[in-house]
N, C-alpha and C. Protein backbone atom coordinates (compact mmCIF):
# COMPACT_ATOMS: atom_id res chain seq x y z
N MET A 1 190.09 -46.00 -163.93
CA MET A 1 190.80 -44.65 -163.28
C MET A 1 189.13 -43.77 -162.32
N ARG A 2 188.75 -43.88 -163.71
CA ARG A 2 187.97 -42.50 -163.28
C ARG A 2 187.75 -43.54 -162.02
N ASP A 3 186.55 -44.38 -161.59
CA ASP A 3 185.84 -44.60 -160.22
C ASP A 3 186.83 -44.38 -158.98
N THR A 4 188.47 -44.52 -158.66
CA THR A 4 188.99 -44.72 -158.14
C THR A 4 189.28 -43.70 -157.72
N GLU A 5 190.02 -42.74 -158.64
CA GLU A 5 188.99 -41.48 -158.48
C GLU A 5 188.57 -40.27 -157.58
N LYS A 6 187.37 -40.91 -158.52
CA LYS A 6 186.26 -40.24 -157.72
C LYS A 6 186.21 -40.94 -156.47
N LYS A 7 186.20 -41.94 -156.41
CA LYS A 7 185.89 -42.46 -154.81
C LYS A 7 187.03 -42.03 -153.94
N LEU A 8 187.62 -41.86 -153.80
CA LEU A 8 188.81 -41.32 -153.13
C LEU A 8 189.06 -39.77 -153.44
N ASN A 9 188.17 -39.05 -154.06
CA ASN A 9 187.90 -37.41 -154.06
C ASN A 9 186.60 -37.74 -153.11
N ALA A 10 185.93 -37.89 -153.72
CA ALA A 10 184.48 -37.60 -151.89
C ALA A 10 185.22 -37.99 -150.47
N MET A 11 185.94 -39.27 -151.00
CA MET A 11 186.93 -39.70 -149.03
C MET A 11 187.74 -38.13 -148.84
N ILE A 12 188.14 -38.53 -149.70
CA ILE A 12 189.07 -36.67 -148.82
C ILE A 12 188.12 -35.37 -149.13
N ALA A 13 187.40 -35.24 -149.69
CA ALA A 13 186.56 -34.53 -149.56
C ALA A 13 185.34 -34.29 -147.96
N ASP A 14 185.04 -35.56 -147.68
CA ASP A 14 183.95 -36.12 -146.38
C ASP A 14 185.15 -35.49 -145.31
N GLN A 15 186.46 -36.76 -145.33
CA GLN A 15 187.33 -36.06 -144.46
C GLN A 15 187.94 -34.47 -144.19
N ALA A 16 187.95 -33.28 -145.50
CA ALA A 16 189.03 -32.48 -145.40
C ALA A 16 186.85 -32.25 -144.24
N ALA A 17 185.46 -31.61 -144.95
CA ALA A 17 184.87 -31.54 -144.26
C ALA A 17 184.17 -31.80 -142.87
N ALA A 18 184.11 -32.39 -142.38
CA ALA A 18 185.16 -32.70 -140.83
C ALA A 18 185.50 -32.68 -140.18
N ASP A 19 186.85 -32.26 -140.45
CA ASP A 19 187.71 -30.73 -140.06
C ASP A 19 187.39 -29.29 -140.32
N GLY A 20 186.40 -28.98 -140.82
CA GLY A 20 186.34 -27.55 -141.47
C GLY A 20 186.55 -27.41 -142.88
N ALA A 21 187.66 -28.14 -143.26
CA ALA A 21 188.31 -27.89 -144.06
C ALA A 21 187.45 -27.78 -145.68
N ARG A 22 188.10 -26.49 -146.51
CA ARG A 22 186.96 -27.55 -147.47
C ARG A 22 188.58 -27.63 -148.93
N PHE A 23 187.23 -28.80 -149.67
CA PHE A 23 187.82 -29.37 -151.07
C PHE A 23 187.53 -28.42 -152.22
N VAL A 24 188.49 -29.49 -152.55
CA VAL A 24 188.75 -27.82 -154.17
C VAL A 24 188.90 -29.74 -155.31
N ASP A 25 187.85 -29.26 -156.08
CA ASP A 25 187.23 -30.20 -156.72
C ASP A 25 187.95 -29.63 -158.17
N THR A 26 189.46 -30.49 -158.62
CA THR A 26 189.82 -30.16 -159.74
C THR A 26 189.59 -31.67 -160.94
N TYR A 27 188.56 -32.87 -159.90
CA TYR A 27 189.00 -33.58 -161.51
C TYR A 27 187.71 -33.03 -161.66
N THR A 28 187.07 -32.73 -161.92
CA THR A 28 185.41 -32.10 -162.93
C THR A 28 185.30 -31.42 -164.40
N PRO A 29 187.12 -30.56 -163.83
CA PRO A 29 187.72 -30.03 -164.62
C PRO A 29 188.43 -30.76 -165.72
N THR A 30 188.96 -31.33 -165.26
CA THR A 30 189.46 -32.22 -166.07
C THR A 30 188.97 -33.36 -166.97
N VAL A 31 187.84 -33.05 -167.09
CA VAL A 31 187.15 -35.01 -167.38
C VAL A 31 186.90 -34.69 -169.39
N VAL A 32 186.30 -33.96 -169.36
CA VAL A 32 185.92 -34.14 -171.95
C VAL A 32 188.11 -33.82 -171.74
N HIS A 33 189.11 -33.84 -171.25
CA HIS A 33 189.88 -33.17 -171.25
C HIS A 33 191.11 -34.87 -170.84
N ASP A 34 191.00 -36.07 -170.61
CA ASP A 34 191.60 -36.92 -170.14
C ASP A 34 192.43 -37.67 -170.68
N MET A 35 192.36 -38.19 -170.41
CA MET A 35 194.25 -38.80 -170.77
C MET A 35 193.55 -39.86 -171.70
N CYS A 36 192.45 -40.18 -172.47
CA CYS A 36 192.35 -40.92 -173.68
C CYS A 36 192.69 -40.51 -175.19
N LYS A 37 192.45 -39.12 -174.51
CA LYS A 37 192.27 -38.00 -175.69
C LYS A 37 193.48 -37.24 -176.89
N PRO A 38 193.85 -36.95 -178.42
CA PRO A 38 194.97 -37.05 -178.20
C PRO A 38 195.97 -35.69 -177.38
N THR A 39 197.36 -36.30 -178.24
CA THR A 39 197.67 -34.97 -177.18
C THR A 39 197.59 -33.64 -178.57
N GLY A 40 197.49 -32.58 -177.08
CA GLY A 40 197.13 -31.24 -177.53
C GLY A 40 195.33 -31.12 -176.67
N GLU A 41 194.49 -32.59 -177.06
CA GLU A 41 193.57 -32.06 -175.79
C GLU A 41 193.58 -32.00 -174.53
N ARG A 42 194.54 -33.19 -174.11
CA ARG A 42 193.95 -33.96 -173.45
C ARG A 42 194.99 -33.04 -171.57
N TRP A 43 194.73 -33.10 -170.94
CA TRP A 43 195.81 -32.55 -169.60
C TRP A 43 195.57 -32.96 -168.73
N ILE A 44 195.89 -34.62 -168.58
CA ILE A 44 195.67 -35.52 -167.85
C ILE A 44 197.08 -36.35 -169.06
N GLU A 45 198.33 -37.30 -168.86
CA GLU A 45 198.93 -37.75 -169.96
C GLU A 45 198.65 -39.06 -169.74
N PRO A 46 199.00 -39.94 -170.34
CA PRO A 46 198.18 -41.11 -170.14
C PRO A 46 198.90 -42.74 -169.18
N LEU A 47 198.02 -43.80 -169.30
CA LEU A 47 199.63 -44.49 -168.42
C LEU A 47 200.67 -43.92 -168.91
N ILE A 48 200.99 -44.45 -170.38
CA ILE A 48 202.30 -44.91 -170.93
C ILE A 48 202.36 -43.69 -172.03
N ALA A 49 203.60 -42.33 -171.17
CA ALA A 49 203.25 -41.18 -171.69
C ALA A 49 204.91 -40.93 -172.46
N PRO A 50 204.77 -40.22 -173.21
CA PRO A 50 206.23 -39.87 -174.08
C PRO A 50 206.97 -38.91 -172.53
N ALA A 51 207.80 -39.30 -172.78
CA ALA A 51 209.19 -38.75 -172.20
C ALA A 51 208.77 -37.36 -172.63
N PRO A 52 208.14 -36.43 -171.42
CA PRO A 52 209.01 -36.11 -169.88
C PRO A 52 208.16 -36.07 -169.44
N ALA A 53 207.37 -36.23 -169.83
CA ALA A 53 205.18 -36.97 -169.23
C ALA A 53 205.91 -38.37 -167.99
N ALA A 54 205.27 -36.98 -166.72
CA ALA A 54 204.37 -38.72 -165.53
C ALA A 54 203.29 -38.99 -165.19
N PRO A 55 203.11 -40.90 -166.08
CA PRO A 55 202.65 -41.15 -166.76
C PRO A 55 201.24 -40.55 -165.49
N ALA A 56 199.70 -40.78 -165.98
CA ALA A 56 198.48 -40.32 -165.04
C ALA A 56 199.02 -39.11 -164.03
N HIS A 57 198.71 -38.56 -164.76
CA HIS A 57 199.70 -37.39 -163.50
C HIS A 57 199.34 -35.94 -164.86
N PRO A 58 199.13 -35.12 -164.67
CA PRO A 58 198.49 -34.08 -165.09
C PRO A 58 199.60 -33.03 -166.31
N ASN A 59 199.74 -32.45 -167.61
CA ASN A 59 200.62 -31.81 -167.79
C ASN A 59 200.28 -30.53 -167.54
N ALA A 60 201.07 -30.34 -168.74
CA ALA A 60 201.09 -27.67 -168.26
C ALA A 60 199.73 -27.62 -168.73
N GLN A 61 198.54 -27.83 -168.99
CA GLN A 61 197.51 -27.27 -169.34
C GLN A 61 196.90 -27.96 -168.10
N GLY A 62 197.08 -29.11 -168.06
CA GLY A 62 196.33 -29.35 -167.01
C GLY A 62 196.24 -28.66 -165.55
N GLN A 63 197.51 -29.02 -165.51
CA GLN A 63 198.27 -28.21 -164.08
C GLN A 63 197.93 -26.67 -163.93
N GLN A 64 198.14 -26.35 -165.01
CA GLN A 64 197.10 -24.03 -165.15
C GLN A 64 196.00 -24.26 -164.61
N THR A 65 194.97 -25.12 -165.50
CA THR A 65 193.60 -25.05 -164.71
C THR A 65 193.84 -25.66 -163.77
N MET A 66 193.93 -26.80 -163.34
CA MET A 66 193.70 -27.34 -161.61
C MET A 66 194.04 -25.48 -160.62
N ALA A 67 194.76 -25.04 -160.88
CA ALA A 67 195.68 -24.17 -160.01
C ALA A 67 194.74 -23.19 -160.15
N ALA A 68 193.82 -22.48 -161.09
CA ALA A 68 193.49 -21.49 -160.92
C ALA A 68 191.70 -22.09 -160.76
N THR A 69 191.96 -23.44 -160.61
CA THR A 69 190.14 -23.56 -159.54
C THR A 69 190.62 -24.00 -158.53
N VAL A 70 191.83 -23.87 -158.32
CA VAL A 70 192.35 -23.88 -156.39
C VAL A 70 192.08 -22.14 -156.54
N GLU A 71 192.64 -21.38 -156.97
CA GLU A 71 192.58 -19.96 -156.88
C GLU A 71 191.68 -19.08 -156.62
N HIS A 72 190.60 -20.04 -157.67
CA HIS A 72 189.04 -19.43 -157.27
C HIS A 72 188.70 -19.74 -156.43
N ALA A 73 188.64 -20.94 -155.62
CA ALA A 73 188.34 -21.30 -154.56
C ALA A 73 188.83 -20.70 -153.34
N VAL A 74 190.13 -20.27 -153.44
CA VAL A 74 190.35 -19.37 -152.46
C VAL A 74 189.74 -17.91 -152.26
N ARG A 75 190.40 -17.19 -153.52
CA ARG A 75 189.39 -16.35 -154.05
C ARG A 75 188.08 -15.80 -153.52
N CYS A 76 186.96 -16.41 -153.69
CA CYS A 76 185.77 -16.86 -152.88
C CYS A 76 185.98 -17.45 -151.62
N ALA A 77 186.44 -17.88 -150.87
CA ALA A 77 186.35 -18.22 -149.89
C ALA A 77 187.33 -16.49 -148.57
N ALA A 78 187.43 -16.49 -149.90
CA ALA A 78 188.83 -15.06 -148.59
C ALA A 78 187.08 -14.41 -148.60
N HIS A 79 186.66 -13.70 -149.69
CA HIS A 79 185.63 -12.89 -149.76
C HIS A 79 183.81 -12.69 -148.55
N ARG A 80 184.06 -14.56 -148.74
CA ARG A 80 183.17 -15.63 -147.68
C ARG A 80 183.01 -13.62 -146.45
N ARG A 81 184.42 -14.13 -145.99
CA ARG A 81 185.40 -13.73 -144.75
C ARG A 81 184.83 -11.94 -144.43
């Protein structure tokens, strides 16, 4: 799954660059908190996730981290203008 996600992210990043947009990498911050980690350490839920979690999707901590990553990128871009 990691390789597939990396390939998809590379495709999205390439397309964003071609269209003059910026791609924000939300994958890298979650790498050490992947779905194989135990509850409390993982930020991505496993394929067989406990209810009400969505399989292979970020949990609350993962969502917060991804949101902070995007917010940081937006703030940096705003300061460059």
